[in-house]
């Protein structure tokens, strides 16, 4: 007979996500996960397969949390102003808690950029492709921009978003606001 889980999977997944977000995949040990999640390795393996499976589920959890911000961005009708607001929205929660800074997806993208982990790369590429397509859609609202300009600006803004995520880990609110304002000064 299968044992009944003595924990809420959603709650322990949230705790794991925060730990991975704070420390990254490699630095987070199974012992750290056990302590943070309040469950043993057997339970982690039973629910998530292994550390990698738990990490993938943590990424899914994070992406579902940021879906509201992405949906607001996608539904906007103000073009470049929507992109700028998305930049602000994507860091607004980072200043509420000092221990979670930056974007979990961008942190993961950076950590796994040189690995052969196809499952992680697939998740990251999918997220970044979606983000870039929304940026392109917003830039195209300015009909004076050529296709070439739109693509160059989309690439620039995607890279600026990566930079913003990294900066949000260490910079002050004022420095972040200045960064965003300067990013959009000539777009």
C-alpha atoms as a PDB file:
ATOM      1  CA  UNK A   1       0.000   0.000   0.000  1.00  0.00           C
ATOM      2  CA  UNK A   2       1.319   3.450  -0.962  1.00  0.00           C
ATOM      3  CA  UNK A   3       2.105   5.849   1.867  1.00  0.00           C
ATOM      4  CA  UNK A   4       0.114   9.047   2.195  1.00  0.00           C
ATOM      5  CA  UNK A   5       2.195  12.174   1.729  1.00  0.00           C
ATOM      6  CA  UNK A   6       2.593  14.134   4.941  1.00  0.00           C
ATOM      7  CA  UNK A   7       3.343  17.359   3.084  1.00  0.00           C
ATOM      8  CA  UNK A   8       1.805  19.691   0.538  1.00  0.00           C
ATOM      9  CA  UNK A   9       3.695  19.244  -2.736  1.00  0.00           C
ATOM     10  CA  UNK A  10       2.931  22.799  -3.857  1.00  0.00           C
ATOM     11  CA  UNK A  11       4.360  24.257  -0.635  1.00  0.00           C
ATOM     12  CA  UNK A  12       7.577  22.222  -0.679  1.00  0.00           C
ATOM     13  CA  UNK A  13       8.035  23.025  -4.371  1.00  0.00           C
ATOM     14  CA  UNK A  14       7.728  26.731  -3.576  1.00  0.00           C
ATOM     15  CA  UNK A  15      10.448  26.369  -0.919  1.00  0.00           C
ATOM     16  CA  UNK A  16      12.719  24.500  -3.344  1.00  0.00           C
ATOM     17  CA  UNK A  17      12.143  27.148  -6.026  1.00  0.00           C
ATOM     18  CA  UNK A  18      13.234  29.909  -3.639  1.00  0.00           C
ATOM     19  CA  UNK A  19      16.352  27.979  -2.676  1.00  0.00           C
ATOM     20  CA  UNK A  20      17.334  27.309  -6.314  1.00  0.00           C
ATOM     21  CA  UNK A  21      16.537  30.939  -7.161  1.00  0.00           C
ATOM     22  CA  UNK A  22      18.801  32.177  -4.372  1.00  0.00           C
ATOM     23  CA  UNK A  23      21.714  29.735  -4.823  1.00  0.00           C
ATOM     24  CA  UNK A  24      21.484  28.293  -8.326  1.00  0.00           C
ATOM     25  CA  UNK A  25      21.291  24.628  -9.263  1.00  0.00           C
ATOM     26  CA  UNK A  26      24.883  23.522  -8.701  1.00  0.00           C
ATOM     27  CA  UNK A  27      25.314  25.224  -5.337  1.00  0.00           C
ATOM     28  CA  UNK A  28      22.072  23.832  -3.936  1.00  0.00           C
ATOM     29  CA  UNK A  29      22.700  20.462  -2.282  1.00  0.00           C
ATOM     30  CA  UNK A  30      20.205  17.733  -1.460  1.00  0.00           C
ATOM     31  CA  UNK A  31      20.882  18.398   2.230  1.00  0.00           C
ATOM     32  CA  UNK A  32      19.971  22.062   1.744  1.00  0.00           C
ATOM     33  CA  UNK A  33      16.796  21.034  -0.074  1.00  0.00           C
ATOM     34  CA  UNK A  34      15.821  18.584   2.676  1.00  0.00           C
ATOM     35  CA  UNK A  35      16.288  21.256   5.335  1.00  0.00           C
ATOM     36  CA  UNK A  36      14.490  24.003   3.408  1.00  0.00           C
ATOM     37  CA  UNK A  37      11.617  21.827   2.209  1.00  0.00           C
ATOM     38  CA  UNK A  38      11.205  20.047   5.542  1.00  0.00           C
ATOM     39  CA  UNK A  39      11.074  16.605   3.915  1.00  0.00           C
ATOM     40  CA  UNK A  40      13.604  13.810   3.454  1.00  0.00           C
ATOM     41  CA  UNK A  41      15.424  12.667   0.317  1.00  0.00           C
ATOM     42  CA  UNK A  42      13.069   9.703  -0.109  1.00  0.00           C
ATOM     43  CA  UNK A  43      10.100  12.083  -0.300  1.00  0.00           C
ATOM     44  CA  UNK A  44      11.932  14.359  -2.734  1.00  0.00           C
ATOM     45  CA  UNK A  45      12.798  11.405  -4.974  1.00  0.00           C
ATOM     46  CA  UNK A  46       9.285   9.994  -4.645  1.00  0.00           C
ATOM     47  CA  UNK A  47       7.617  13.261  -5.691  1.00  0.00           C
ATOM     48  CA  UNK A  48      10.125  14.733  -8.141  1.00  0.00           C
ATOM     49  CA  UNK A  49      12.396  11.898  -9.292  1.00  0.00           C
ATOM     50  CA  UNK A  50      15.692  13.578  -8.382  1.00  0.00           C
ATOM     51  CA  UNK A  51      17.287  16.984  -7.874  1.00  0.00           C
ATOM     52  CA  UNK A  52      17.116  17.682 -11.612  1.00  0.00           C
ATOM     53  CA  UNK A  53      13.409  16.841 -11.726  1.00  0.00           C
ATOM     54  CA  UNK A  54      12.801  19.080  -8.726  1.00  0.00           C
ATOM     55  CA  UNK A  55      14.709  21.883 -10.447  1.00  0.00           C
ATOM     56  CA  UNK A  56      12.629  21.545 -13.628  1.00  0.00           C
ATOM     57  CA  UNK A  57       9.431  21.655 -11.571  1.00  0.00           C
ATOM     58  CA  UNK A  58      10.789  24.724  -9.749  1.00  0.00           C
ATOM     59  CA  UNK A  59      11.319  26.465 -13.106  1.00  0.00           C
ATOM     60  CA  UNK A  60       7.751  25.629 -14.148  1.00  0.00           C
ATOM     61  CA  UNK A  61       6.503  26.989 -10.816  1.00  0.00           C
ATOM     62  CA  UNK A  62       8.435  30.233 -11.314  1.00  0.00           C
ATOM     63  CA  UNK A  63       7.222  30.662 -14.891  1.00  0.00           C
ATOM     64  CA  UNK A  64       3.619  30.209 -13.777  1.00  0.00           C
ATOM     65  CA  UNK A  65       4.186  32.927 -11.143  1.00  0.00           C
ATOM     66  CA  UNK A  66       5.532  35.413 -13.692  1.00  0.00           C
ATOM     67  CA  UNK A  67       2.811  34.559 -16.182  1.00  0.00           C
ATOM     68  CA  UNK A  68       0.647  37.456 -14.930  1.00  0.00           C
ATOM     69  CA  UNK A  69       3.453  39.938 -15.639  1.00  0.00           C
ATOM     70  CA  UNK A  70       4.014  38.418 -19.090  1.00  0.00           C
ATOM     71  CA  UNK A  71       0.276  38.434 -19.837  1.00  0.00           C
ATOM     72  CA  UNK A  72       0.013  42.107 -18.864  1.00  0.00           C
ATOM     73  CA  UNK A  73       2.987  42.801 -21.138  1.00  0.00           C
ATOM     74  CA  UNK A  74       1.510  40.849 -24.027  1.00  0.00           C
ATOM     75  CA  UNK A  75      -1.902  42.520 -23.694  1.00  0.00           C
ATOM     76  CA  UNK A  76      -0.495  46.051 -23.603  1.00  0.00           C
ATOM     77  CA  UNK A  77      -1.316  48.444 -26.423  1.00  0.00           C
ATOM     78  CA  UNK A  78       1.330  51.149 -25.935  1.00  0.00           C
ATOM     79  CA  UNK A  79       4.300  49.600 -27.748  1.00  0.00           C
ATOM     80  CA  UNK A  80       7.632  50.735 -26.311  1.00  0.00           C
ATOM     81  CA  UNK A  81       5.926  51.999 -23.135  1.00  0.00           C
ATOM     82  CA  UNK A  82       4.684  48.421 -22.570  1.00  0.00           C
ATOM     83  CA  UNK A  83       8.251  47.107 -22.841  1.00  0.00           C
ATOM     84  CA  UNK A  84       9.503  49.729 -20.395  1.00  0.00           C
ATOM     85  CA  UNK A  85       6.692  48.903 -17.960  1.00  0.00           C
ATOM     86  CA  UNK A  86       7.558  45.214 -18.283  1.00  0.00           C
ATOM     87  CA  UNK A  87      11.140  46.018 -17.258  1.00  0.00           C
ATOM     88  CA  UNK A  88       9.819  47.820 -14.169  1.00  0.00           C
ATOM     89  CA  UNK A  89       7.294  45.076 -13.397  1.00  0.00           C
ATOM     90  CA  UNK A  90       9.911  42.359 -13.713  1.00  0.00           C
ATOM     91  CA  UNK A  91      12.060  43.847 -10.958  1.00  0.00           C
ATOM     92  CA  UNK A  92       9.414  45.428  -8.730  1.00  0.00           C
ATOM     93  CA  UNK A  93       9.107  42.407  -6.432  1.00  0.00           C
ATOM     94  CA  UNK A  94      12.884  42.002  -6.169  1.00  0.00           C
ATOM     95  CA  UNK A  95      13.199  44.958  -3.829  1.00  0.00           C
ATOM     96  CA  UNK A  96      10.599  43.625  -1.395  1.00  0.00           C
ATOM     97  CA  UNK A  97      12.837  40.802  -0.179  1.00  0.00           C
ATOM     98  CA  UNK A  98      16.600  41.088  -0.105  1.00  0.00           C
ATOM     99  CA  UNK A  99      17.263  37.370  -0.474  1.00  0.00           C
ATOM    100  CA  UNK A 100      15.564  36.949  -3.883  1.00  0.00           C
ATOM    101  CA  UNK A 101      17.119  39.191  -6.476  1.00  0.00           C
ATOM    102  CA  UNK A 102      17.148  38.959 -10.204  1.00  0.00           C
ATOM    103  CA  UNK A 103      15.115  36.701 -12.429  1.00  0.00           C
ATOM    104  CA  UNK A 104      15.186  32.970 -11.740  1.00  0.00           C
ATOM    105  CA  UNK A 105      14.945  32.237 -15.478  1.00  0.00           C
ATOM    106  CA  UNK A 106      17.828  34.582 -16.333  1.00  0.00           C
ATOM    107  CA  UNK A 107      19.915  33.220 -13.462  1.00  0.00           C
ATOM    108  CA  UNK A 108      19.278  29.700 -14.779  1.00  0.00           C
ATOM    109  CA  UNK A 109      19.962  30.778 -18.361  1.00  0.00           C
ATOM    110  CA  UNK A 110      23.358  32.097 -17.249  1.00  0.00           C
ATOM    111  CA  UNK A 111      24.194  29.078 -15.092  1.00  0.00           C
ATOM    112  CA  UNK A 112      23.338  26.546 -17.797  1.00  0.00           C
ATOM    113  CA  UNK A 113      24.587  28.485 -20.842  1.00  0.00           C
ATOM    114  CA  UNK A 114      27.570  26.188 -21.372  1.00  0.00           C
ATOM    115  CA  UNK A 115      26.098  22.842 -20.328  1.00  0.00           C
ATOM    116  CA  UNK A 116      24.653  20.055 -22.376  1.00  0.00           C
ATOM    117  CA  UNK A 117      21.406  19.874 -20.383  1.00  0.00           C
ATOM    118  CA  UNK A 118      18.860  19.808 -23.193  1.00  0.00           C
ATOM    119  CA  UNK A 119      15.790  19.874 -20.923  1.00  0.00           C
ATOM    120  CA  UNK A 120      16.929  23.074 -19.223  1.00  0.00           C
ATOM    121  CA  UNK A 121      18.053  24.640 -22.516  1.00  0.00           C
ATOM    122  CA  UNK A 122      14.681  23.805 -24.071  1.00  0.00           C
ATOM    123  CA  UNK A 123      12.837  25.531 -21.205  1.00  0.00           C
ATOM    124  CA  UNK A 124      15.121  28.569 -21.350  1.00  0.00           C
ATOM    125  CA  UNK A 125      14.973  28.880 -25.139  1.00  0.00           C
ATOM    126  CA  UNK A 126      11.192  28.625 -25.088  1.00  0.00           C
ATOM    127  CA  UNK A 127      10.907  31.362 -22.462  1.00  0.00           C
ATOM    128  CA  UNK A 128      13.400  33.673 -24.191  1.00  0.00           C
ATOM    129  CA  UNK A 129      11.853  33.103 -27.657  1.00  0.00           C
ATOM    130  CA  UNK A 130       8.435  33.996 -26.254  1.00  0.00           C
ATOM    131  CA  UNK A 131       9.798  37.119 -24.568  1.00  0.00           C
ATOM    132  CA  UNK A 132      11.601  38.226 -27.738  1.00  0.00           C
ATOM    133  CA  UNK A 133       8.486  37.716 -29.855  1.00  0.00           C
ATOM    134  CA  UNK A 134       6.459  39.924 -27.494  1.00  0.00           C
ATOM    135  CA  UNK A 135       9.169  42.601 -27.620  1.00  0.00           C
ATOM    136  CA  UNK A 136       9.151  42.448 -31.436  1.00  0.00           C
ATOM    137  CA  UNK A 137       5.366  42.720 -31.467  1.00  0.00           C
ATOM    138  CA  UNK A 138       5.524  45.851 -29.273  1.00  0.00           C
ATOM    139  CA  UNK A 139       8.311  47.460 -31.328  1.00  0.00           C
ATOM    140  CA  UNK A 140       6.338  46.889 -34.541  1.00  0.00           C
ATOM    141  CA  UNK A 141       3.590  49.115 -33.161  1.00  0.00           C
ATOM    142  CA  UNK A 142       5.831  51.988 -34.234  1.00  0.00           C
ATOM    143  CA  UNK A 143       5.247  51.762 -37.979  1.00  0.00           C
ATOM    144  CA  UNK A 144       8.186  54.067 -38.721  1.00  0.00           C
ATOM    145  CA  UNK A 145      10.636  51.339 -37.674  1.00  0.00           C
ATOM    146  CA  UNK A 146      12.071  49.099 -40.369  1.00  0.00           C
ATOM    147  CA  UNK A 147      12.140  45.319 -39.903  1.00  0.00           C
ATOM    148  CA  UNK A 148      15.911  45.495 -39.455  1.00  0.00           C
ATOM    149  CA  UNK A 149      15.610  48.180 -36.762  1.00  0.00           C
ATOM    150  CA  UNK A 150      12.924  46.193 -34.955  1.00  0.00           C
ATOM    151  CA  UNK A 151      15.117  43.081 -34.870  1.00  0.00           C
ATOM    152  CA  UNK A 152      18.201  44.990 -33.702  1.00  0.00           C
ATOM    153  CA  UNK A 153      16.240  46.778 -30.992  1.00  0.00           C
ATOM    154  CA  UNK A 154      14.610  43.508 -29.893  1.00  0.00           C
ATOM    155  CA  UNK A 155      18.032  41.896 -29.530  1.00  0.00           C
ATOM    156  CA  UNK A 156      19.288  44.928 -27.621  1.00  0.00           C
ATOM    157  CA  UNK A 157      16.290  44.930 -25.279  1.00  0.00           C
ATOM    158  CA  UNK A 158      16.535  41.200 -24.636  1.00  0.00           C
ATOM    159  CA  UNK A 159      20.189  41.645 -23.665  1.00  0.00           C
ATOM    160  CA  UNK A 160      19.267  44.682 -21.572  1.00  0.00           C
ATOM    161  CA  UNK A 161      16.679  42.535 -19.781  1.00  0.00           C
ATOM    162  CA  UNK A 162      19.416  39.989 -18.967  1.00  0.00           C
ATOM    163  CA  UNK A 163      21.557  42.815 -17.645  1.00  0.00           C
ATOM    164  CA  UNK A 164      18.671  44.151 -15.605  1.00  0.00           C
ATOM    165  CA  UNK A 165      18.103  40.752 -14.016  1.00  0.00           C
ATOM    166  CA  UNK A 166      21.775  40.525 -13.052  1.00  0.00           C
ATOM    167  CA  UNK A 167      21.868  44.115 -11.805  1.00  0.00           C
ATOM    168  CA  UNK A 168      18.762  43.569  -9.669  1.00  0.00           C
ATOM    169  CA  UNK A 169      20.790  41.123  -7.581  1.00  0.00           C
ATOM    170  CA  UNK A 170      23.247  43.762  -6.389  1.00  0.00           C
ATOM    171  CA  UNK A 171      22.194  47.305  -7.317  1.00  0.00           C
ATOM    172  CA  UNK A 172      19.987  49.807  -5.498  1.00  0.00           C
ATOM    173  CA  UNK A 173      16.468  50.735  -6.538  1.00  0.00           C
ATOM    174  CA  UNK A 174      17.703  54.106  -7.837  1.00  0.00           C
ATOM    175  CA  UNK A 175      20.460  52.492  -9.915  1.00  0.00           C
ATOM    176  CA  UNK A 176      17.928  50.063 -11.404  1.00  0.00           C
ATOM    177  CA  UNK A 177      15.518  52.880 -12.250  1.00  0.00           C
ATOM    178  CA  UNK A 178      18.349  54.852 -13.886  1.00  0.00           C
ATOM    179  CA  UNK A 179      19.343  51.755 -15.885  1.00  0.00           C
ATOM    180  CA  UNK A 180      15.798  51.275 -17.167  1.00  0.00           C
ATOM    181  CA  UNK A 181      15.365  54.959 -18.029  1.00  0.00           C
ATOM    182  CA  UNK A 182      18.667  55.071 -19.920  1.00  0.00           C
ATOM    183  CA  UNK A 183      17.865  51.822 -21.754  1.00  0.00           C
ATOM    184  CA  UNK A 184      14.758  53.407 -23.248  1.00  0.00           C
ATOM    185  CA  UNK A 185      16.168  56.876 -23.870  1.00  0.00           C
ATOM    186  CA  UNK A 186      16.958  56.160 -27.538  1.00  0.00           C
ATOM    187  CA  UNK A 187      14.501  53.397 -28.413  1.00  0.00           C
END
